N, C-alpha and C. Protein backbone atom coordinates (compact mmCIF):
# COMPACT_ATOMS: atom_id res chain seq x y z
N MET A 1 18.67 -0.17 27.59
CA MET A 1 18.72 -0.50 26.22
C MET A 1 20.00 0.48 25.83
N SER A 2 20.84 0.05 24.94
CA SER A 2 22.01 0.77 24.58
C SER A 2 21.22 1.70 23.27
N LYS A 3 22.16 2.71 23.05
CA LYS A 3 21.62 3.86 22.02
C LYS A 3 22.97 3.29 20.87
N ILE A 4 22.24 3.70 19.63
CA ILE A 4 23.05 3.63 18.42
C ILE A 4 22.88 4.82 17.63
N LYS A 5 24.11 5.18 17.01
CA LYS A 5 23.87 6.37 16.00
C LYS A 5 24.02 5.71 14.53
N ILE A 6 23.05 6.27 13.84
CA ILE A 6 22.93 5.85 12.52
C ILE A 6 23.11 6.92 11.52
N THR A 7 24.09 6.68 10.55
CA THR A 7 24.12 7.87 9.48
C THR A 7 24.33 7.29 8.17
N GLN A 8 23.41 8.19 7.34
CA GLN A 8 23.10 7.79 6.09
C GLN A 8 24.50 8.12 5.10
N VAL A 9 25.01 7.09 4.61
CA VAL A 9 26.26 7.30 3.74
C VAL A 9 25.93 7.31 2.39
N LYS A 10 25.04 6.38 1.81
CA LYS A 10 24.72 6.56 0.37
C LYS A 10 23.27 6.88 0.13
N SER A 11 23.08 7.49 -1.01
CA SER A 11 21.72 7.85 -1.40
C SER A 11 20.49 6.88 -1.65
N GLY A 12 19.43 7.27 -1.14
CA GLY A 12 18.19 6.27 -1.34
C GLY A 12 17.74 6.37 -2.76
N ILE A 13 18.28 7.41 -3.61
CA ILE A 13 17.70 7.49 -5.10
C ILE A 13 18.12 6.07 -5.61
N ASP A 14 17.12 5.69 -6.52
CA ASP A 14 17.44 4.64 -7.46
C ASP A 14 17.34 3.39 -6.54
N ARG A 15 16.45 3.28 -5.37
CA ARG A 15 16.48 2.06 -4.43
C ARG A 15 15.00 1.62 -4.59
N MET A 16 14.79 0.42 -4.07
CA MET A 16 13.41 -0.13 -3.80
C MET A 16 12.56 0.88 -2.82
N ALA A 17 11.37 0.98 -3.42
CA ALA A 17 10.48 1.90 -2.38
C ALA A 17 10.55 1.53 -1.04
N ARG A 18 10.67 0.12 -0.85
CA ARG A 18 10.62 -0.37 0.69
C ARG A 18 11.85 0.18 1.50
N GLN A 19 12.99 0.23 0.62
CA GLN A 19 14.35 0.92 1.52
C GLN A 19 14.13 2.15 1.71
N LYS A 20 13.54 3.00 0.76
CA LYS A 20 13.45 4.41 0.99
C LYS A 20 12.40 4.67 2.11
N ARG A 21 11.43 3.90 2.17
CA ARG A 21 10.49 4.01 3.35
C ARG A 21 11.26 3.70 4.70
N THR A 22 12.09 2.80 4.66
CA THR A 22 12.86 2.36 5.72
C THR A 22 13.71 3.40 6.21
N LEU A 23 14.25 4.14 5.32
CA LEU A 23 15.32 5.37 5.65
C LEU A 23 14.55 6.41 6.33
N GLN A 24 13.19 6.50 5.67
CA GLN A 24 12.41 7.82 6.37
C GLN A 24 11.92 7.25 7.70
N ALA A 25 11.62 5.92 7.85
CA ALA A 25 11.09 5.56 9.26
C ALA A 25 12.32 5.71 10.26
N LEU A 26 13.41 5.50 9.88
CA LEU A 26 14.55 5.58 10.75
C LEU A 26 14.80 7.00 11.03
N GLY A 27 14.32 8.05 10.23
CA GLY A 27 14.41 9.35 10.51
C GLY A 27 15.69 10.13 9.71
N LEU A 28 16.02 9.34 8.67
CA LEU A 28 17.23 9.88 8.08
C LEU A 28 16.73 10.72 6.76
N ARG A 29 17.01 12.07 6.58
CA ARG A 29 16.46 12.79 5.38
C ARG A 29 17.53 12.91 4.13
N LYS A 30 18.69 13.02 4.46
CA LYS A 30 19.79 13.29 3.38
C LYS A 30 21.04 12.69 3.76
N LEU A 31 21.96 12.64 2.70
CA LEU A 31 23.21 12.19 3.01
C LEU A 31 24.01 12.84 4.24
N GLN A 32 24.63 12.08 5.03
CA GLN A 32 25.45 12.43 6.09
C GLN A 32 24.43 12.75 7.34
N HIS A 33 23.21 12.73 7.35
CA HIS A 33 22.28 12.90 8.33
C HIS A 33 22.45 11.73 9.30
N SER A 34 22.43 12.23 10.63
CA SER A 34 22.62 11.29 11.74
C SER A 34 21.30 11.01 12.62
N VAL A 35 21.20 10.10 13.24
CA VAL A 35 20.16 10.09 14.24
C VAL A 35 20.51 9.15 15.42
N GLU A 36 20.12 9.52 16.59
CA GLU A 36 20.58 8.62 17.80
C GLU A 36 19.36 7.92 18.07
N VAL A 37 19.21 6.49 18.29
CA VAL A 37 18.00 5.83 18.65
C VAL A 37 18.46 4.61 19.54
N GLU A 38 17.28 4.36 20.38
CA GLU A 38 17.49 3.05 21.13
C GLU A 38 17.72 1.85 20.35
N ALA A 39 18.43 0.88 20.65
CA ALA A 39 18.90 -0.42 19.98
C ALA A 39 17.87 -1.33 20.23
N THR A 40 16.50 -1.11 19.79
CA THR A 40 15.60 -2.39 19.83
C THR A 40 15.56 -3.20 18.96
N PRO A 41 14.90 -4.40 18.94
CA PRO A 41 14.96 -5.41 17.80
C PRO A 41 14.36 -4.71 16.49
N GLN A 42 13.38 -3.96 16.72
CA GLN A 42 12.83 -3.37 15.66
C GLN A 42 13.56 -2.52 14.78
N ILE A 43 14.29 -1.39 15.36
CA ILE A 43 15.39 -0.65 14.81
C ILE A 43 16.51 -1.59 14.23
N LEU A 44 16.98 -2.54 14.83
CA LEU A 44 18.13 -3.24 14.48
C LEU A 44 17.65 -4.13 13.12
N GLY A 45 16.39 -4.39 13.03
CA GLY A 45 15.86 -5.01 11.91
C GLY A 45 15.78 -4.12 10.74
N MET A 46 15.52 -2.93 10.71
CA MET A 46 15.39 -1.86 9.80
C MET A 46 16.80 -1.63 9.52
N VAL A 47 17.77 -1.51 10.34
CA VAL A 47 19.24 -1.24 10.14
C VAL A 47 19.58 -2.35 9.01
N LYS A 48 19.34 -3.74 9.48
CA LYS A 48 19.84 -4.72 8.69
C LYS A 48 19.03 -4.74 7.26
N ALA A 49 18.00 -3.95 7.11
CA ALA A 49 17.48 -3.97 5.75
C ALA A 49 18.07 -2.90 5.02
N VAL A 50 18.78 -2.11 5.47
CA VAL A 50 19.40 -0.88 4.65
C VAL A 50 20.78 -0.78 4.89
N HIS A 51 21.47 -1.93 5.51
CA HIS A 51 22.75 -1.83 5.94
C HIS A 51 23.95 -1.28 4.94
N HIS A 52 23.51 -1.43 3.71
CA HIS A 52 24.32 -1.12 2.59
C HIS A 52 24.35 0.45 2.32
N LEU A 53 23.26 1.16 3.00
CA LEU A 53 23.18 2.60 2.87
C LEU A 53 23.71 3.49 4.13
N VAL A 54 23.75 2.77 5.11
CA VAL A 54 24.02 3.39 6.46
C VAL A 54 25.20 2.95 7.20
N LYS A 55 25.70 3.90 8.00
CA LYS A 55 26.78 3.36 9.05
C LYS A 55 26.33 3.48 10.35
N VAL A 56 26.61 2.38 11.21
CA VAL A 56 26.14 2.23 12.57
C VAL A 56 27.03 2.29 13.64
N GLU A 57 26.96 3.25 14.55
CA GLU A 57 28.04 3.17 15.83
C GLU A 57 27.31 3.18 16.96
N GLU A 58 27.98 2.53 17.89
CA GLU A 58 27.41 2.41 19.35
C GLU A 58 27.77 3.71 20.02
N VAL A 59 26.77 4.40 20.87
CA VAL A 59 26.84 5.57 21.52
C VAL A 59 26.98 4.97 23.03
N LYS A 60 28.01 5.64 23.80
CA LYS A 60 28.19 5.41 25.12
C LYS A 60 27.72 6.33 26.05
């Protein structure tokens, strides 16, 4: 599996509760916080749900 780096670039304030919980589940706590995770189908689905709040990069 490849790894991806997910960085939160927009705030979760004033978003739907489901999107806030998705950010928490991804491990993102505040703006500009980044996490490296395996690119599993579950993670990619979560990223798709909050794609407007995060930036995704592939880690080599």
